[in-house]
Amino acid sequence: MLANYGYKDGSGDYFITIDTDKCNGCAKCVDACPQSVFEMGEDDSDPLREEPVARVSGEQRKKLKYACAPCKRYLTTLSGGKTEETMKEIAKLPCVVACELGAINHSW
């Protein structure tokens, strides 16, 4: 199941989607995120699942644009003058890289 965390405001859509079917509960995203956006917990979209999954922590859900900004800003700085192909390699956020199963996606 896809769990969407975030919000939409006048400046855009700010969502992190976690595919809980892919998430194996390894918690590597929790360790990789320098802003403590992620936590391990019950799968809100599948109450019958017993294993914990990654999710966006409650206090971060309404401020993802700002919580993720340090990583996004770093990627923007690196992008100056780079080709699109190079950017595909650079533009990998720590949480996305840490998730070997590809369960995490950012909408912006």
PDB file of N, CA and C in Angstrom:
ATOM      1  N   MET A   1       0.841  -1.173   0.000  1.00  0.00           N
ATOM      2  CA  MET A   1       0.000   0.000   0.000  1.00  0.00           C
ATOM      3  C   MET A   1       0.890   1.241   0.000  1.00  0.00           C
ATOM      4  N   LEU A   2       0.399   2.280  -0.596  1.00  0.00           N
ATOM      5  CA  LEU A   2       1.145   3.536  -0.618  1.00  0.00           C
ATOM      6  C   LEU A   2       0.647   4.437   0.504  1.00  0.00           C
ATOM      7  N   ALA A   3       1.560   4.838   1.357  1.00  0.00           N
ATOM      8  CA  ALA A   3       1.237   5.760   2.447  1.00  0.00           C
ATOM      9  C   ALA A   3       1.780   7.132   2.082  1.00  0.00           C
ATOM     10  N   ASN A   4       0.899   8.108   1.968  1.00  0.00           N
ATOM     11  CA  ASN A   4       1.287   9.472   1.607  1.00  0.00           C
ATOM     12  C   ASN A   4       1.296  10.348   2.843  1.00  0.00           C
ATOM     13  N   TYR A   5       2.410  11.043   3.033  1.00  0.00           N
ATOM     14  CA  TYR A   5       2.558  11.957   4.162  1.00  0.00           C
ATOM     15  C   TYR A   5       2.923  13.327   3.618  1.00  0.00           C
ATOM     16  N   GLY A   6       2.250  14.358   4.067  1.00  0.00           N
ATOM     17  CA  GLY A   6       2.602  15.692   3.632  1.00  0.00           C
ATOM     18  C   GLY A   6       1.404  16.582   3.457  1.00  0.00           C
ATOM     19  N   TYR A   7       1.550  17.563   2.571  1.00  0.00           N
ATOM     20  CA  TYR A   7       0.511  18.575   2.403  1.00  0.00           C
ATOM     21  C   TYR A   7       0.697  19.316   1.088  1.00  0.00           C
ATOM     22  N   LYS A   8      -0.311  20.085   0.745  1.00  0.00           N
ATOM     23  CA  LYS A   8      -0.292  20.949  -0.430  1.00  0.00           C
ATOM     24  C   LYS A   8      -0.563  22.361   0.066  1.00  0.00           C
ATOM     25  N   ASP A   9       0.231  23.321  -0.404  1.00  0.00           N
ATOM     26  CA  ASP A   9      -0.038  24.716  -0.070  1.00  0.00           C
ATOM     27  C   ASP A   9       0.114  25.561  -1.328  1.00  0.00           C
ATOM     28  N   GLY A  10       0.082  26.855  -1.182  1.00  0.00           N
ATOM     29  CA  GLY A  10       0.152  27.748  -2.331  1.00  0.00           C
ATOM     30  C   GLY A  10       1.434  27.647  -3.133  1.00  0.00           C
ATOM     31  N   SER A  11       2.478  27.111  -2.545  1.00  0.00           N
ATOM     32  CA  SER A  11       3.747  27.022  -3.254  1.00  0.00           C
ATOM     33  C   SER A  11       4.003  25.655  -3.877  1.00  0.00           C
ATOM     34  N   GLY A  12       3.151  24.667  -3.594  1.00  0.00           N
ATOM     35  CA  GLY A  12       3.338  23.357  -4.211  1.00  0.00           C
ATOM     36  C   GLY A  12       2.846  22.201  -3.371  1.00  0.00           C
ATOM     37  N   ASP A  13       3.133  21.003  -3.858  1.00  0.00           N
ATOM     38  CA  ASP A  13       2.792  19.759  -3.171  1.00  0.00           C
ATOM     39  C   ASP A  13       4.052  19.227  -2.504  1.00  0.00           C
ATOM     40  N   TYR A  14       3.938  18.881  -1.240  1.00  0.00           N
ATOM     41  CA  TYR A  14       5.084  18.388  -0.483  1.00  0.00           C
ATOM     42  C   TYR A  14       4.691  17.078   0.186  1.00  0.00           C
ATOM     43  N   PHE A  15       4.936  15.995  -0.529  1.00  0.00           N
ATOM     44  CA  PHE A  15       4.566  14.685  -0.033  1.00  0.00           C
ATOM     45  C   PHE A  15       5.744  13.723  -0.100  1.00  0.00           C
ATOM     46  N   ILE A  16       5.819  12.872   0.898  1.00  0.00           N
ATOM     47  CA  ILE A  16       6.706  11.718   0.861  1.00  0.00           C
ATOM     48  C   ILE A  16       5.778  10.514   0.819  1.00  0.00           C
ATOM     49  N   THR A  17       6.026   9.643  -0.143  1.00  0.00           N
ATOM     50  CA  THR A  17       5.234   8.426  -0.276  1.00  0.00           C
ATOM     51  C   THR A  17       6.117   7.250   0.112  1.00  0.00           C
ATOM     52  N   ILE A  18       5.569   6.396   0.953  1.00  0.00           N
ATOM     53  CA  ILE A  18       6.275   5.176   1.347  1.00  0.00           C
ATOM     54  C   ILE A  18       5.431   3.990   0.903  1.00  0.00           C
ATOM     55  N   ASP A  19       6.029   3.137   0.092  1.00  0.00           N
ATOM     56  CA  ASP A  19       5.357   1.918  -0.352  1.00  0.00           C
ATOM     57  C   ASP A  19       5.563   0.875   0.738  1.00  0.00           C
ATOM     58  N   THR A  20       4.543   0.686   1.555  1.00  0.00           N
ATOM     59  CA  THR A  20       4.688  -0.211   2.707  1.00  0.00           C
ATOM     60  C   THR A  20       4.782  -1.676   2.292  1.00  0.00           C
ATOM     61  N   ASP A  21       4.385  -1.992   1.057  1.00  0.00           N
ATOM     62  CA  ASP A  21       4.570  -3.359   0.567  1.00  0.00           C
ATOM     63  C   ASP A  21       6.049  -3.643   0.302  1.00  0.00           C
ATOM     64  N   LYS A  22       6.799  -2.610  -0.052  1.00  0.00           N
ATOM     65  CA  LYS A  22       8.235  -2.768  -0.304  1.00  0.00           C
ATOM     66  C   LYS A  22       9.064  -2.626   0.978  1.00  0.00           C
ATOM     67  N   CYS A  23       8.582  -1.848   1.925  1.00  0.00           N
ATOM     68  CA  CYS A  23       9.348  -1.579   3.145  1.00  0.00           C
ATOM     69  C   CYS A  23       9.508  -2.860   3.962  1.00  0.00           C
ATOM     70  N   ASN A  24      10.769  -3.171   4.306  1.00  0.00           N
ATOM     71  CA  ASN A  24      11.034  -4.374   5.090  1.00  0.00           C
ATOM     72  C   ASN A  24      11.317  -4.060   6.561  1.00  0.00           C
ATOM     73  N   GLY A  25      11.184  -2.795   6.951  1.00  0.00           N
ATOM     74  CA  GLY A  25      11.379  -2.426   8.350  1.00  0.00           C
ATOM     75  C   GLY A  25      12.826  -2.348   8.787  1.00  0.00           C
ATOM     76  N   CYS A  26      13.749  -2.174   7.862  1.00  0.00           N
ATOM     77  CA  CYS A  26      15.177  -2.165   8.206  1.00  0.00           C
ATOM     78  C   CYS A  26      15.609  -0.903   8.966  1.00  0.00           C
ATOM     79  N   ALA A  27      14.860   0.180   8.837  1.00  0.00           N
ATOM     80  CA  ALA A  27      15.117   1.461   9.519  1.00  0.00           C
ATOM     81  C   ALA A  27      16.345   2.207   8.997  1.00  0.00           C
ATOM     82  N   LYS A  28      16.847   1.841   7.829  1.00  0.00           N
ATOM     83  CA  LYS A  28      17.997   2.549   7.272  1.00  0.00           C
ATOM     84  C   LYS A  28      17.653   3.990   6.918  1.00  0.00           C
ATOM     85  N   CYS A  29      16.419   4.241   6.505  1.00  0.00           N
ATOM     86  CA  CYS A  29      15.993   5.609   6.194  1.00  0.00           C
ATOM     87  C   CYS A  29      15.980   6.468   7.464  1.00  0.00           C
ATOM     88  N   VAL A  30      15.590   5.877   8.567  1.00  0.00           N
ATOM     89  CA  VAL A  30      15.568   6.595   9.852  1.00  0.00           C
ATOM     90  C   VAL A  30      16.977   7.042  10.202  1.00  0.00           C
ATOM     91  N   ASP A  31      17.938   6.146  10.039  1.00  0.00           N
ATOM     92  CA  ASP A  31      19.335   6.457  10.351  1.00  0.00           C
ATOM     93  C   ASP A  31      19.937   7.447   9.359  1.00  0.00           C
ATOM     94  N   ALA A  32      19.517   7.380   8.095  1.00  0.00           N
ATOM     95  CA  ALA A  32      20.118   8.216   7.049  1.00  0.00           C
ATOM     96  C   ALA A  32      19.612   9.655   7.061  1.00  0.00           C
ATOM     97  N   CYS A  33      18.421   9.892   7.564  1.00  0.00           N
ATOM     98  CA  CYS A  33      17.822  11.217   7.493  1.00  0.00           C
ATOM     99  C   CYS A  33      18.402  12.136   8.567  1.00  0.00           C
ATOM    100  N   PRO A  34      19.116  13.201   8.159  1.00  0.00           N
ATOM    101  CA  PRO A  34      19.714  14.106   9.137  1.00  0.00           C
ATOM    102  C   PRO A  34      18.694  14.990   9.860  1.00  0.00           C
ATOM    103  N   GLN A  35      17.447  15.028   9.368  1.00  0.00           N
ATOM    104  CA  GLN A  35      16.409  15.873   9.967  1.00  0.00           C
ATOM    105  C   GLN A  35      15.406  15.080  10.800  1.00  0.00           C
ATOM    106  N   SER A  36      15.636  13.802  10.989  1.00  0.00           N
ATOM    107  CA  SER A  36      14.738  12.935  11.777  1.00  0.00           C
ATOM    108  C   SER A  36      13.299  12.982  11.288  1.00  0.00           C
ATOM    109  N   VAL A  37      13.132  12.927   9.974  1.00  0.00           N
ATOM    110  CA  VAL A  37      11.798  12.956   9.376  1.00  0.00           C
ATOM    111  C   VAL A  37      11.094  11.608   9.551  1.00  0.00           C
ATOM    112  N   PHE A  38      11.851  10.527   9.554  1.00  0.00           N
ATOM    113  CA  PHE A  38      11.263   9.192   9.589  1.00  0.00           C
ATOM    114  C   PHE A  38      11.308   8.569  10.973  1.00  0.00           C
ATOM    115  N   GLU A  39      10.373   7.655  11.184  1.00  0.00           N
ATOM    116  CA  GLU A  39      10.335   6.836  12.387  1.00  0.00           C
ATOM    117  C   GLU A  39       9.815   5.462  11.988  1.00  0.00           C
ATOM    118  N   MET A  40      10.014   4.500  12.830  1.00  0.00           N
ATOM    119  CA  MET A  40       9.458   3.173  12.603  1.00  0.00           C
ATOM    120  C   MET A  40       8.201   3.050  13.455  1.00  0.00           C
ATOM    121  N   GLY A  41       7.195   2.422  12.880  1.00  0.00           N
ATOM    122  CA  GLY A  41       5.959   2.265  13.632  1.00  0.00           C
ATOM    123  C   GLY A  41       4.968   1.381  12.914  1.00  0.00           C
ATOM    124  N   GLU A  42       3.779   1.355  13.459  1.00  0.00           N
ATOM    125  CA  GLU A  42       2.694   0.563  12.898  1.00  0.00           C
ATOM    126  C   GLU A  42       2.321   1.065  11.515  1.00  0.00           C
ATOM    127  N   ASP A  43       1.965   0.151  10.645  1.00  0.00           N
ATOM    128  CA  ASP A  43       1.539   0.510   9.284  1.00  0.00           C
ATOM    129  C   ASP A  43       0.111   1.036   9.359  1.00  0.00           C
ATOM    130  N   ASP A  44      -0.044   2.355   9.223  1.00  0.00           N
ATOM    131  CA  ASP A  44      -1.361   2.986   9.322  1.00  0.00           C
ATOM    132  C   ASP A  44      -2.322   2.495   8.246  1.00  0.00           C
ATOM    133  N   SER A  45      -1.790   2.083   7.101  1.00  0.00           N
ATOM    134  CA  SER A  45      -2.654   1.650   6.001  1.00  0.00           C
ATOM    135  C   SER A  45      -2.957   0.150   6.039  1.00  0.00           C
ATOM    136  N   ASP A  46      -2.299  -0.585   6.918  1.00  0.00           N
ATOM    137  CA  ASP A  46      -2.545  -2.027   7.034  1.00  0.00           C
ATOM    138  C   ASP A  46      -2.473  -2.429   8.507  1.00  0.00           C
ATOM    139  N   PRO A  47      -3.563  -2.272   9.243  1.00  0.00           N
ATOM    140  CA  PRO A  47      -3.551  -2.551  10.678  1.00  0.00           C
ATOM    141  C   PRO A  47      -3.289  -4.019  11.030  1.00  0.00           C
ATOM    142  N   LEU A  48      -3.399  -4.922  10.059  1.00  0.00           N
ATOM    143  CA  LEU A  48      -3.143  -6.333  10.332  1.00  0.00           C
ATOM    144  C   LEU A  48      -1.663  -6.692  10.255  1.00  0.00           C
ATOM    145  N   ARG A  49      -0.868  -5.795   9.701  1.00  0.00           N
ATOM    146  CA  ARG A  49       0.571  -6.053   9.580  1.00  0.00           C
ATOM    147  C   ARG A  49       1.215  -5.917  10.954  1.00  0.00           C
ATOM    148  N   GLU A  50       1.995  -6.894  11.323  1.00  0.00           N
ATOM    149  CA  GLU A  50       2.611  -6.897  12.645  1.00  0.00           C
ATOM    150  C   GLU A  50       3.986  -6.243  12.655  1.00  0.00           C
ATOM    151  N   GLU A  51       4.708  -6.302  11.528  1.00  0.00           N
ATOM    152  CA  GLU A  51       6.052  -5.753  11.476  1.00  0.00           C
ATOM    153  C   GLU A  51       5.981  -4.230  11.345  1.00  0.00           C
ATOM    154  N   PRO A  52       6.915  -3.527  11.987  1.00  0.00           N
ATOM    155  CA  PRO A  52       6.940  -2.065  11.841  1.00  0.00           C
ATOM    156  C   PRO A  52       7.418  -1.664  10.449  1.00  0.00           C
ATOM    157  N   VAL A  53       6.970  -0.508  10.013  1.00  0.00           N
ATOM    158  CA  VAL A  53       7.385   0.049   8.728  1.00  0.00           C
ATOM    159  C   VAL A  53       7.846   1.489   8.943  1.00  0.00           C
ATOM    160  N   ALA A  54       8.543   2.005   7.956  1.00  0.00           N
ATOM    161  CA  ALA A  54       8.960   3.405   8.005  1.00  0.00           C
ATOM    162  C   ALA A  54       7.742   4.285   7.774  1.00  0.00           C
ATOM    163  N   ARG A  55       7.724   5.413   8.454  1.00  0.00           N
ATOM    164  CA  ARG A  55       6.673   6.406   8.249  1.00  0.00           C
ATOM    165  C   ARG A  55       7.229   7.764   8.629  1.00  0.00           C
ATOM    166  N   VAL A  56       6.575   8.810   8.160  1.00  0.00           N
ATOM    167  CA  VAL A  56       6.987  10.163   8.501  1.00  0.00           C
ATOM    168  C   VAL A  56       6.448  10.460   9.894  1.00  0.00           C
ATOM    169  N   SER A  57       7.324  10.932  10.761  1.00  0.00           N
ATOM    170  CA  SER A  57       6.901  11.179  12.144  1.00  0.00           C
ATOM    171  C   SER A  57       5.850  12.279  12.194  1.00  0.00           C
ATOM    172  N   GLY A  58       4.972  12.177  13.154  1.00  0.00           N
ATOM    173  CA  GLY A  58       3.831  13.075  13.277  1.00  0.00           C
ATOM    174  C   GLY A  58       4.175  14.545  13.244  1.00  0.00           C
ATOM    175  N   GLU A  59       5.201  14.950  13.987  1.00  0.00           N
ATOM    176  CA  GLU A  59       5.548  16.366  14.051  1.00  0.00           C
ATOM    177  C   GLU A  59       6.162  16.892  12.764  1.00  0.00           C
ATOM    178  N   GLN A  60       6.631  16.007  11.898  1.00  0.00           N
ATOM    179  CA  GLN A  60       7.253  16.424  10.632  1.00  0.00           C
ATOM    180  C   GLN A  60       6.264  16.497   9.480  1.00  0.00           C
ATOM    181  N   ARG A  61       5.114  15.897   9.587  1.00  0.00           N
ATOM    182  CA  ARG A  61       4.186  15.755   8.466  1.00  0.00           C
ATOM    183  C   ARG A  61       3.707  17.086   7.905  1.00  0.00           C
ATOM    184  N   LYS A  62       3.587  18.098   8.721  1.00  0.00           N
ATOM    185  CA  LYS A  62       3.067  19.393   8.251  1.00  0.00           C
ATOM    186  C   LYS A  62       4.177  20.390   7.934  1.00  0.00           C
ATOM    187  N   LYS A  63       5.423  19.929   7.971  1.00  0.00           N
ATOM    188  CA  LYS A  63       6.522  20.841   7.656  1.00  0.00           C
ATOM    189  C   LYS A  63       7.614  20.179   6.809  1.00  0.00           C
ATOM    190  N   LEU A  64       7.217  19.256   5.953  1.00  0.00           N
ATOM    191  CA  LEU A  64       8.189  18.544   5.119  1.00  0.00           C
ATOM    192  C   LEU A  64       8.993  19.477   4.225  1.00  0.00           C
ATOM    193  N   LYS A  65       8.343  20.500   3.695  1.00  0.00           N
ATOM    194  CA  LYS A  65       9.038  21.449   2.826  1.00  0.00           C
ATOM    195  C   LYS A  65      10.271  22.014   3.531  1.00  0.00           C
ATOM    196  N   TYR A  66      10.143  22.270   4.807  1.00  0.00           N
ATOM    197  CA  TYR A  66      11.232  22.862   5.582  1.00  0.00           C
ATOM    198  C   TYR A  66      12.144  21.801   6.190  1.00  0.00           C
ATOM    199  N   ALA A  67      11.564  20.688   6.616  1.00  0.00           N
ATOM    200  CA  ALA A  67      12.370  19.627   7.219  1.00  0.00           C
ATOM    201  C   ALA A  67      13.337  19.017   6.202  1.00  0.00           C
ATOM    202  N   CYS A  68      12.876  18.866   4.953  1.00  0.00           N
ATOM    203  CA  CYS A  68      13.713  18.267   3.913  1.00  0.00           C
ATOM    204  C   CYS A  68      14.577  19.300   3.192  1.00  0.00           C
ATOM    205  N   ALA A  69      14.381  20.565   3.483  1.00  0.00           N
ATOM    206  CA  ALA A  69      15.088  21.638   2.777  1.00  0.00           C
ATOM    207  C   ALA A  69      16.613  21.518   2.819  1.00  0.00           C
ATOM    208  N   PRO A  70      17.233  21.164   3.963  1.00  0.00           N
ATOM    209  CA  PRO A  70      18.699  21.079   3.939  1.00  0.00           C
ATOM    210  C   PRO A  70      19.230  20.092   2.897  1.00  0.00           C
ATOM    211  N   CYS A  71      18.598  18.948   2.753  1.00  0.00           N
ATOM    212  CA  CYS A  71      19.039  17.976   1.742  1.00  0.00           C
ATOM    213  C   CYS A  71      18.702  18.469   0.347  1.00  0.00           C
ATOM    214  N   LYS A  72      17.533  19.021   0.167  1.00  0.00           N
ATOM    215  CA  LYS A  72      17.123  19.532  -1.144  1.00  0.00           C
ATOM    216  C   LYS A  72      18.003  20.708  -1.564  1.00  0.00           C
ATOM    217  N   ARG A  73      18.328  21.589  -0.621  1.00  0.00           N
ATOM    218  CA  ARG A  73      19.172  22.751  -0.911  1.00  0.00           C
ATOM    219  C   ARG A  73      20.562  22.290  -1.334  1.00  0.00           C
ATOM    220  N   TYR A  74      21.092  21.288  -0.667  1.00  0.00           N
ATOM    221  CA  TYR A  74      22.393  20.745  -1.003  1.00  0.00           C
ATOM    222  C   TYR A  74      22.392  20.226  -2.443  1.00  0.00           C
ATOM    223  N   LEU A  75      21.327  19.515  -2.823  1.00  0.00           N
ATOM    224  CA  LEU A  75      21.237  18.983  -4.183  1.00  0.00           C
ATOM    225  C   LEU A  75      21.129  20.103  -5.204  1.00  0.00           C
ATOM    226  N   THR A  76      20.399  21.164  -4.875  1.00  0.00           N
ATOM    227  CA  THR A  76      20.269  22.308  -5.771  1.00  0.00           C
ATOM    228  C   THR A  76      21.622  22.971  -5.990  1.00  0.00           C
ATOM    229  N   THR A  77      22.399  23.100  -4.914  1.00  0.00           N
ATOM    230  CA  THR A  77      23.728  23.695  -5.009  1.00  0.00           C
ATOM    231  C   THR A  77      24.618  22.855  -5.928  1.00  0.00           C
ATOM    232  N   LEU A  78      24.546  21.546  -5.787  1.00  0.00           N
ATOM    233  CA  LEU A  78      25.352  20.662  -6.625  1.00  0.00           C
ATOM    234  C   LEU A  78      24.939  20.716  -8.088  1.00  0.00           C
ATOM    235  N   SER A  79      23.681  21.058  -8.352  1.00  0.00           N
ATOM    236  CA  SER A  79      23.171  20.993  -9.715  1.00  0.00           C
ATOM    237  C   SER A  79      23.682  22.109 -10.624  1.00  0.00           C
ATOM    238  N   GLY A  80      24.234  23.165 -10.090  1.00  0.00           N
ATOM    239  CA  GLY A  80      24.684  24.287 -10.905  1.00  0.00           C
ATOM    240  C   GLY A  80      25.585  23.857 -12.044  1.00  0.00           C
ATOM    241  N   GLY A  81      25.117  24.031 -13.283  1.00  0.00           N
ATOM    242  CA  GLY A  81      25.921  23.725 -14.456  1.00  0.00           C
ATOM    243  C   GLY A  81      26.036  22.256 -14.810  1.00  0.00           C
ATOM    244  N   LYS A  82      25.327  21.393 -14.144  1.00  0.00           N
ATOM    245  CA  LYS A  82      25.430  19.961 -14.417  1.00  0.00           C
ATOM    246  C   LYS A  82      24.445  19.552 -15.510  1.00  0.00           C
ATOM    247  N   THR A  83      24.773  18.472 -16.201  1.00  0.00           N
ATOM    248  CA  THR A  83      23.853  17.939 -17.205  1.00  0.00           C
ATOM    249  C   THR A  83      22.740  17.166 -16.509  1.00  0.00           C
ATOM    250  N   GLU A  84      21.648  16.940 -17.233  1.00  0.00           N
ATOM    251  CA  GLU A  84      20.526  16.202 -16.650  1.00  0.00           C
ATOM    252  C   GLU A  84      20.943  14.791 -16.238  1.00  0.00           C
ATOM    253  N   GLU A  85      21.797  14.149 -17.028  1.00  0.00           N
ATOM    254  CA  GLU A  85      22.254  12.798 -16.711  1.00  0.00           C
ATOM    255  C   GLU A  85      23.056  12.787 -15.406  1.00  0.00           C
ATOM    256  N   THR A  86      23.922  13.771 -15.250  1.00  0.00           N
ATOM    257  CA  THR A  86      24.701  13.872 -14.017  1.00  0.00           C
ATOM    258  C   THR A  86      23.774  14.111 -12.837  1.00  0.00           C
ATOM    259  N   MET A  87      22.734  14.936 -13.037  1.00  0.00           N
ATOM    260  CA  MET A  87      21.805  15.245 -11.965  1.00  0.00           C
ATOM    261  C   MET A  87      21.051  14.023 -11.482  1.00  0.00           C
ATOM    262  N   LYS A  88      20.782  13.064 -12.356  1.00  0.00           N
ATOM    263  CA  LYS A  88      20.092  11.850 -11.932  1.00  0.00           C
ATOM    264  C   LYS A  88      20.913  11.108 -10.890  1.00  0.00           C
ATOM    265  N   GLU A  89      22.212  11.169 -11.014  1.00  0.00           N
ATOM    266  CA  GLU A  89      23.082  10.522 -10.040  1.00  0.00           C
ATOM    267  C   GLU A  89      23.207  11.349  -8.759  1.00  0.00           C
ATOM    268  N   ILE A  90      23.281  12.662  -8.911  1.00  0.00           N
ATOM    269  CA  ILE A  90      23.448  13.533  -7.751  1.00  0.00           C
ATOM    270  C   ILE A  90      22.162  13.627  -6.935  1.00  0.00           C
ATOM    271  N   ALA A  91      21.030  13.714  -7.617  1.00  0.00           N
ATOM    272  CA  ALA A  91      19.761  14.024  -6.963  1.00  0.00           C
ATOM    273  C   ALA A  91      19.156  12.839  -6.228  1.00  0.00           C
ATOM    274  N   LYS A  92      19.943  12.190  -5.447  1.00  0.00           N
ATOM    275  CA  LYS A  92      19.447  11.090  -4.635  1.00  0.00           C
ATOM    276  C   LYS A  92      19.568  11.509  -3.173  1.00  0.00           C
ATOM    277  N   LEU A  93      18.436  11.696  -2.568  1.00  0.00           N
ATOM    278  CA  LEU A  93      18.393  12.112  -1.171  1.00  0.00           C
ATOM    279  C   LEU A  93      18.870  10.976  -0.274  1.00  0.00           C
ATOM    280  N   PRO A  94      19.423  11.299   0.890  1.00  0.00           N
ATOM    281  CA  PRO A  94      19.945  10.254   1.775  1.00  0.00           C
ATOM    282  C   PRO A  94      18.927   9.163   2.106  1.00  0.00           C
ATOM    283  N   CYS A  95      17.680   9.545   2.339  1.00  0.00           N
ATOM    284  CA  CYS A  95      16.653   8.552   2.671  1.00  0.00           C
ATOM    285  C   CYS A  95      16.362   7.640   1.483  1.00  0.00           C
ATOM    286  N   VAL A  96      16.366   8.211   0.283  1.00  0.00           N
ATOM    287  CA  VAL A  96      16.087   7.432  -0.926  1.00  0.00           C
ATOM    288  C   VAL A  96      17.236   6.464  -1.189  1.00  0.00           C
ATOM    289  N   VAL A  97      18.457   6.930  -1.019  1.00  0.00           N
ATOM    290  CA  VAL A  97      19.629   6.076  -1.218  1.00  0.00           C
ATOM    291  C   VAL A  97      19.658   4.943  -0.188  1.00  0.00           C
ATOM    292  N   ALA A  98      19.314   5.274   1.057  1.00  0.00           N
ATOM    293  CA  ALA A  98      19.354   4.278   2.128  1.00  0.00           C
ATOM    294  C   ALA A  98      18.339   3.158   1.921  1.00  0.00           C
ATOM    295  N   CYS A  99      17.237   3.482   1.271  1.00  0.00           N
ATOM    296  CA  CYS A  99      16.186   2.486   1.061  1.00  0.00           C
ATOM    297  C   CYS A  99      16.521   1.646  -0.172  1.00  0.00           C
ATOM    298  N   GLU A 100      17.159   0.530   0.064  1.00  0.00           N
ATOM    299  CA  GLU A 100      17.609  -0.334  -1.026  1.00  0.00           C
ATOM    300  C   GLU A 100      16.447  -0.930  -1.827  1.00  0.00           C
ATOM    301  N   LEU A 101      15.263  -0.964  -1.237  1.00  0.00           N
ATOM    302  CA  LEU A 101      14.112  -1.555  -1.905  1.00  0.00           C
ATOM    303  C   LEU A 101      13.284  -0.543  -2.689  1.00  0.00           C
ATOM    304  N   GLY A 102      13.682   0.731  -2.638  1.00  0.00           N
ATOM    305  CA  GLY A 102      12.999   1.765  -3.397  1.00  0.00           C
ATOM    306  C   GLY A 102      11.600   2.084  -2.904  1.00  0.00           C
ATOM    307  N   ALA A 103      11.399   2.046  -1.606  1.00  0.00           N
ATOM    308  CA  ALA A 103      10.067   2.274  -1.043  1.00  0.00           C
ATOM    309  C   ALA A 103       9.753   3.746  -0.802  1.00  0.00           C
ATOM    310  N   ILE A 104      10.742   4.648  -0.899  1.00  0.00           N
ATOM    311  CA  ILE A 104      10.541   6.055  -0.560  1.00  0.00           C
ATOM    312  C   ILE A 104      10.604   6.924  -1.807  1.00  0.00           C
ATOM    313  N   ASN A 105       9.653   7.855  -1.902  1.00  0.00           N
ATOM    314  CA  ASN A 105       9.607   8.787  -3.022  1.00  0.00           C
ATOM    315  C   ASN A 105       9.194  10.169  -2.514  1.00  0.00           C
ATOM    316  N   HIS A 106       9.849  11.198  -3.023  1.00  0.00           N
ATOM    317  CA  HIS A 106       9.494  12.590  -2.712  1.00  0.00           C
ATOM    318  C   HIS A 106       8.759  13.172  -3.908  1.00  0.00           C
ATOM    319  N   SER A 107       7.703  13.944  -3.668  1.00  0.00           N
ATOM    320  CA  SER A 107       6.921  14.499  -4.771  1.00  0.00           C
ATOM    321  C   SER A 107       7.509  15.783  -5.338  1.00  0.00           C
ATOM    322  N   TRP A 108       8.455  16.392  -4.675  1.00  0.00           N
ATOM    323  CA  TRP A 108       8.994  17.662  -5.165  1.00  0.00           C
ATOM    324  C   TRP A 108      10.488  17.592  -5.289  1.00  0.00           C
TER     325      TRP A 108
END
